[in-house]
Protein backbone atom coordinates (compact mmCIF):
# COMPACT_ATOMS: atom_id res chain seq x y z
CA MET A 1 7.74 17.32 -10.76
CA SER A 2 7.74 17.24 -14.45
CA THR A 3 6.72 14.53 -16.94
CA GLU A 4 10.26 13.20 -17.44
CA LYS A 5 11.21 9.91 -17.21
CA ARG A 6 11.00 9.23 -13.40
CA THR A 7 12.60 6.03 -10.85
CA ILE A 8 9.60 4.86 -8.89
CA VAL A 9 10.61 2.98 -6.13
CA ILE A 10 7.85 0.39 -5.60
CA THR A 11 7.83 -2.34 -2.05
CA GLY A 12 5.49 -5.47 -1.91
CA ALA A 13 5.92 -5.19 -5.39
CA GLY A 14 5.67 -9.03 -6.15
CA THR A 15 1.88 -9.24 -5.85
CA GLY A 16 -1.54 -7.64 -5.65
CA VAL A 17 -0.88 -3.75 -5.23
CA GLY A 18 2.57 -3.03 -5.77
CA GLU A 19 2.69 -5.70 -9.08
CA ALA A 20 -0.07 -3.64 -10.38
CA CYS A 21 1.72 -0.45 -9.58
CA ALA A 22 4.88 -1.58 -10.97
CA ARG A 23 3.07 -2.68 -14.21
CA GLN A 24 1.47 0.85 -14.64
CA GLN A 25 4.52 2.81 -13.93
CA ALA A 26 6.25 0.65 -16.70
CA ALA A 27 4.03 1.10 -19.24
CA LEU A 28 4.05 4.91 -18.53
CA GLY A 29 7.94 4.58 -19.26
CA HIS A 30 9.14 5.31 -16.03
CA ASN A 31 12.23 3.13 -14.21
CA VAL A 32 10.60 0.58 -11.65
CA VAL A 33 12.53 -0.74 -8.99
CA LEU A 34 10.59 -3.75 -7.40
CA ILE A 35 11.25 -4.43 -3.91
CA GLY A 36 9.90 -7.86 -1.97
CA ARG A 37 10.94 -10.52 0.25
CA ARG A 38 10.41 -13.19 -2.71
CA LYS A 39 13.06 -13.12 -5.43
CA ALA A 40 11.02 -15.45 -7.86
CA PRO A 41 8.17 -13.45 -8.59
CA LEU A 42 9.94 -9.77 -8.41
CA GLU A 43 12.46 -11.34 -10.81
CA ALA A 44 9.92 -12.40 -13.27
CA LEU A 45 8.14 -9.06 -13.39
CA ALA A 46 11.14 -7.23 -13.35
CA GLU A 47 11.79 -9.18 -16.82
CA GLU A 48 8.34 -8.16 -18.47
CA THR A 49 8.53 -4.77 -16.95
CA GLY A 50 12.61 -4.18 -17.96
CA GLY A 51 12.64 -2.82 -13.94
CA LEU A 52 15.22 -3.49 -11.12
CA ALA A 53 14.31 -6.31 -9.17
CA LEU A 54 15.71 -6.44 -5.25
CA SER A 55 14.90 -8.75 -2.98
CA GLY A 56 14.95 -8.06 0.88
CA ASP A 57 12.88 -6.63 4.06
CA ALA A 58 11.68 -3.22 3.51
CA ALA A 59 11.46 -3.13 7.20
CA SER A 60 15.59 -3.52 7.51
CA SER A 61 17.97 -0.14 7.55
CA SER A 62 20.60 -2.61 6.50
CA ASP A 63 18.62 -3.88 3.47
CA TRP A 64 17.76 -0.34 2.38
CA GLU A 65 21.52 0.90 2.42
CA GLY A 66 22.15 -1.94 -0.22
CA PHE A 67 18.60 -0.81 -2.23
CA CYS A 68 19.43 2.76 -2.21
CA GLN A 69 23.00 2.26 -3.47
CA LYS A 70 21.94 -0.61 -6.38
CA ILE A 71 19.17 2.12 -7.24
CA LEU A 72 21.42 4.82 -7.61
CA GLU A 73 23.98 3.17 -9.36
CA THR A 74 21.38 1.93 -11.84
CA TYR A 75 19.48 4.67 -12.35
CA GLY A 76 20.88 7.99 -10.64
CA ARG A 77 17.67 8.98 -8.97
CA ILE A 78 14.84 8.05 -6.83
CA ASP A 79 11.44 10.23 -7.60
CA SER A 80 9.06 8.41 -5.92
CA LEU A 81 8.25 5.70 -3.33
CA ILE A 82 5.03 3.81 -3.38
CA SER A 83 5.01 1.68 -0.19
CA SER A 84 3.02 -1.09 -0.72
CA ALA A 85 4.24 -3.61 1.67
CA GLY A 86 1.92 -5.01 4.20
CA GLY A 87 0.73 -8.39 5.90
CA HIS A 88 -1.57 -9.55 8.13
CA GLY A 89 -2.28 -9.07 11.96
CA LEU A 90 -4.82 -11.21 13.17
CA GLY A 91 -6.33 -11.71 16.85
CA THR A 92 -7.57 -10.13 19.71
CA ALA A 93 -5.37 -8.04 22.06
CA THR A 94 -5.40 -11.32 24.39
CA GLU A 95 -4.95 -13.67 21.71
CA MET A 96 -1.99 -11.91 19.81
CA THR A 97 1.50 -13.13 21.29
CA ASP A 98 4.37 -10.95 21.22
CA ASP A 99 5.93 -12.30 18.00
CA ASP A 100 2.31 -12.01 16.56
CA TRP A 101 2.37 -8.27 17.49
CA GLN A 102 5.73 -7.43 16.37
CA LEU A 103 5.39 -9.15 12.78
CA SER A 104 2.17 -7.26 12.64
CA MET A 105 4.18 -3.94 13.17
CA ARG A 106 7.14 -4.75 11.30
CA LEU A 107 4.71 -5.87 7.85
CA ASN A 108 2.46 -3.31 7.87
CA LEU A 109 3.91 -0.19 9.79
CA ASP A 110 7.97 -0.66 9.68
CA THR A 111 8.20 -1.46 6.31
CA ALA A 112 6.71 2.18 5.59
CA PHE A 113 8.82 4.03 7.98
CA TYR A 114 11.98 2.51 7.09
CA SER A 115 11.30 2.63 3.26
CA ALA A 116 10.42 6.31 3.55
CA ARG A 117 13.16 6.79 5.89
CA ALA A 118 15.83 5.68 3.33
CA CYS A 119 14.34 7.36 0.32
CA LEU A 120 13.56 10.78 1.91
CA PRO A 121 17.23 12.19 1.36
CA HIS A 122 16.90 11.12 -2.70
CA LEU A 123 13.27 12.57 -2.85
CA MET A 124 14.03 16.28 -1.79
CA LYS A 125 16.85 16.54 -4.51
CA GLN A 126 14.45 15.56 -6.69
CA GLN A 127 10.97 17.32 -4.97
CA GLY A 128 9.79 14.01 -5.09
CA THR A 129 6.69 12.06 -3.62
CA ILE A 130 5.85 9.13 -1.53
CA VAL A 131 2.46 7.08 -1.42
CA LEU A 132 2.18 4.86 1.86
CA LEU A 133 -0.61 2.25 1.51
CA GLY A 134 -2.98 2.49 4.39
CA SER A 135 -6.55 0.69 4.49
CA LEU A 136 -10.19 1.49 5.75
CA ALA A 137 -8.49 0.09 8.28
CA SER A 138 -6.99 3.17 9.23
CA PHE A 139 -9.92 4.41 10.40
CA GLN A 140 -12.18 1.88 11.57
CA ALA A 141 -11.77 -1.30 13.41
CA GLY A 142 -12.88 -4.82 12.31
CA GLY A 143 -13.53 -7.65 14.46
CA GLU A 144 -10.27 -9.72 15.72
CA VAL A 145 -7.70 -7.82 13.75
CA CYS A 146 -5.95 -5.43 16.65
CA GLY A 147 -2.36 -5.64 15.13
CA TYR A 148 -3.44 -5.08 11.41
CA THR A 149 -5.69 -2.26 12.42
CA THR A 150 -3.51 -0.34 14.95
CA ALA A 151 -0.46 -0.34 12.61
CA LYS A 152 -3.20 0.93 9.88
CA HIS A 153 -3.77 3.78 11.84
CA ALA A 154 -0.23 4.55 12.46
CA ILE A 155 0.17 4.93 8.85
CA VAL A 156 -2.09 7.70 9.15
CA GLY A 157 0.41 9.46 11.75
CA LEU A 158 3.42 8.76 9.47
CA THR A 159 1.72 10.09 6.43
CA ARG A 160 0.80 13.30 8.40
CA SER A 161 4.15 13.69 10.47
CA MET A 162 6.38 13.43 7.03
CA ALA A 163 4.03 15.67 5.01
CA ARG A 164 4.36 18.41 7.86
CA ASP A 165 8.14 17.71 8.02
CA PHE A 166 8.92 17.46 4.64
CA GLY A 167 6.60 19.69 2.40
CA PRO A 168 9.08 22.44 3.10
CA LYS A 169 11.68 20.63 1.29
CA GLY A 170 9.67 20.10 -1.49
CA VAL A 171 8.18 16.74 -0.83
CA ARG A 172 4.92 15.65 -0.77
CA VAL A 173 3.18 12.17 1.07
CA ASN A 174 -0.23 11.00 0.84
CA CYS A 175 -1.99 7.91 1.82
CA VAL A 176 -4.19 5.76 -0.21
CA CYS A 177 -6.92 3.90 2.02
CA PRO A 178 -8.40 1.13 0.53
CA GLY A 179 -11.18 -1.04 1.18
CA TRP A 180 -11.78 -4.58 0.10
CA ILE A 181 -9.46 -5.17 -2.85
CA ARG A 182 -9.09 -8.61 -5.00
CA THR A 183 -5.57 -9.43 -4.51
CA PRO A 184 -4.06 -12.70 -3.57
CA MET A 185 -4.39 -11.91 0.51
CA ALA A 186 -7.71 -10.89 0.09
CA ASP A 187 -8.39 -13.94 -1.98
CA GLU A 188 -7.12 -15.86 1.41
CA GLU A 189 -9.52 -13.98 3.69
CA MET A 190 -12.38 -14.94 1.70
CA GLN A 191 -12.05 -18.86 2.28
CA PRO A 192 -13.60 -18.90 5.45
CA LEU A 193 -16.70 -17.50 4.16
CA MET A 194 -16.58 -19.77 1.35
CA ALA A 195 -16.51 -22.94 3.69
CA HIS A 196 -18.86 -21.69 6.02
CA TYR A 197 -21.72 -20.46 3.18
CA ASN A 198 -20.31 -23.01 0.85
CA GLU A 199 -20.14 -20.20 -2.01
CA SER A 200 -17.59 -19.54 -4.88
CA LEU A 201 -14.93 -16.45 -4.57
CA ASP A 202 -16.98 -14.09 -6.52
CA ASP A 203 -19.99 -14.87 -3.79
CA ALA A 204 -17.71 -14.10 -0.81
CA TYR A 205 -16.83 -10.69 -2.36
CA ALA A 206 -20.23 -10.12 -3.21
CA ARG A 207 -20.99 -11.10 0.61
CA VAL A 208 -18.65 -8.81 2.21
CA THR A 209 -19.17 -5.93 0.08
CA GLN A 210 -23.16 -6.06 0.10
CA ASN A 211 -23.13 -2.76 2.46
CA VAL A 212 -20.93 -0.63 0.46
CA PRO A 213 -22.44 1.64 -1.71
CA LEU A 214 -20.70 0.82 -5.06
CA ARG A 215 -21.27 -3.00 -4.01
CA ARG A 216 -17.83 -4.10 -5.27
CA PRO A 217 -14.40 -4.44 -4.53
CA ALA A 218 -11.75 -2.47 -5.89
CA SER A 219 -9.33 -4.15 -8.51
CA ALA A 220 -5.61 -3.66 -8.07
CA GLU A 221 -5.22 -1.55 -11.19
CA GLU A 222 -7.72 0.65 -9.64
CA ILE A 223 -5.70 1.46 -6.46
CA ALA A 224 -2.48 1.94 -8.80
CA SER A 225 -4.25 4.40 -10.60
CA ILE A 226 -4.81 6.51 -7.64
CA CYS A 227 -1.17 5.83 -6.69
CA ASP A 228 -0.17 7.19 -9.96
CA PHE A 229 -2.18 10.11 -9.67
CA LEU A 230 -0.66 11.22 -6.01
CA ILE A 231 2.92 10.59 -7.54
CA GLY A 232 2.61 12.88 -10.30
CA PRO A 233 2.43 16.29 -11.42
CA ALA A 234 -1.70 16.44 -11.48
CA SER A 235 -1.80 16.26 -7.73
CA ALA A 236 0.70 18.66 -7.07
CA ILE A 237 -0.92 20.79 -4.44
CA ILE A 238 -2.24 17.64 -2.51
CA THR A 239 0.20 16.47 0.59
CA GLY A 240 -1.17 15.25 3.85
CA SER A 241 -4.10 13.75 2.46
CA MET A 242 -5.99 10.44 3.16
CA ILE A 243 -7.50 9.21 0.03
CA MET A 244 -10.39 6.60 0.74
CA ALA A 245 -10.73 4.17 -2.29
CA ASP A 246 -13.20 1.81 -0.72
CA GLY A 247 -16.50 2.29 -2.90
CA GLY A 248 -17.68 4.26 -0.19
CA SER A 249 -17.53 2.16 2.60
CA HIS A 250 -16.56 5.08 5.10
CA VAL A 251 -19.78 6.57 4.17
CA VAL A 252 -22.12 4.03 5.58
CA ASP A 253 -23.58 4.56 9.11
CA THR A 254 -23.91 1.35 10.18
CA PRO A 255 -25.95 1.39 13.11
CA THR A 256 -29.06 2.36 10.59
CA LEU A 257 -28.56 -0.47 8.35
CA PRO A 258 -31.09 -2.65 10.14
CA PHE A 259 -33.50 0.04 9.08
CA GLU A 260 -32.97 -0.48 5.44
CA ALA A 261 -35.02 -3.52 5.18
CA LEU A 262 -38.46 -1.85 6.56
């Protein structure tokens, strides 16, 4: 892929990593397509970045028909997809209702699949790239997050399947797997800790990263930079890879942690 001006489609663009990706790609001079469920933040970001705001459901085939038509009318091409849309999936297997389970799959897995399926015909024409947002939960299980953990594990399979099937057609597919990132969604997850320990948001983040080798969460901008690398020409030989962006969480042998105090 050349360094010419490209069209980058970003789902979950209204906040967090998606928003950071949009700002970064616009600053690099690329066309950005901002897809999300909330119209107001998308339009505000589009005005700031000069991008195209398309509000709707990234897990809807019919919405994607309209998205692709508008993207091609506006920019004539799709070069990369960054699938950042996601959401919660809280509860154990016995606690989750049918609706809870289906919503978690829709927010975290279906958004990635439907987005990729819609963009792939256009990406093949451009020898383009896909980056899916996985998680540390793509490899490890946190407590009482059955839906989220299952969906994020499935993102790994989706990445590998598409990398194998579409690599011969010139499309690269990779996955970024962050740990804690300071985003509005993660801030919300810190609230129970803050309430229980009567501590600040910064203290709560310090608590959840105390056993992470780098001892801190990522910023959304740091994850956006990894996505930029994976959709760009510098990573031309990389496909089907899971990039751990978790401050080293995945290398910690948690059963040995009690011995560190000896």
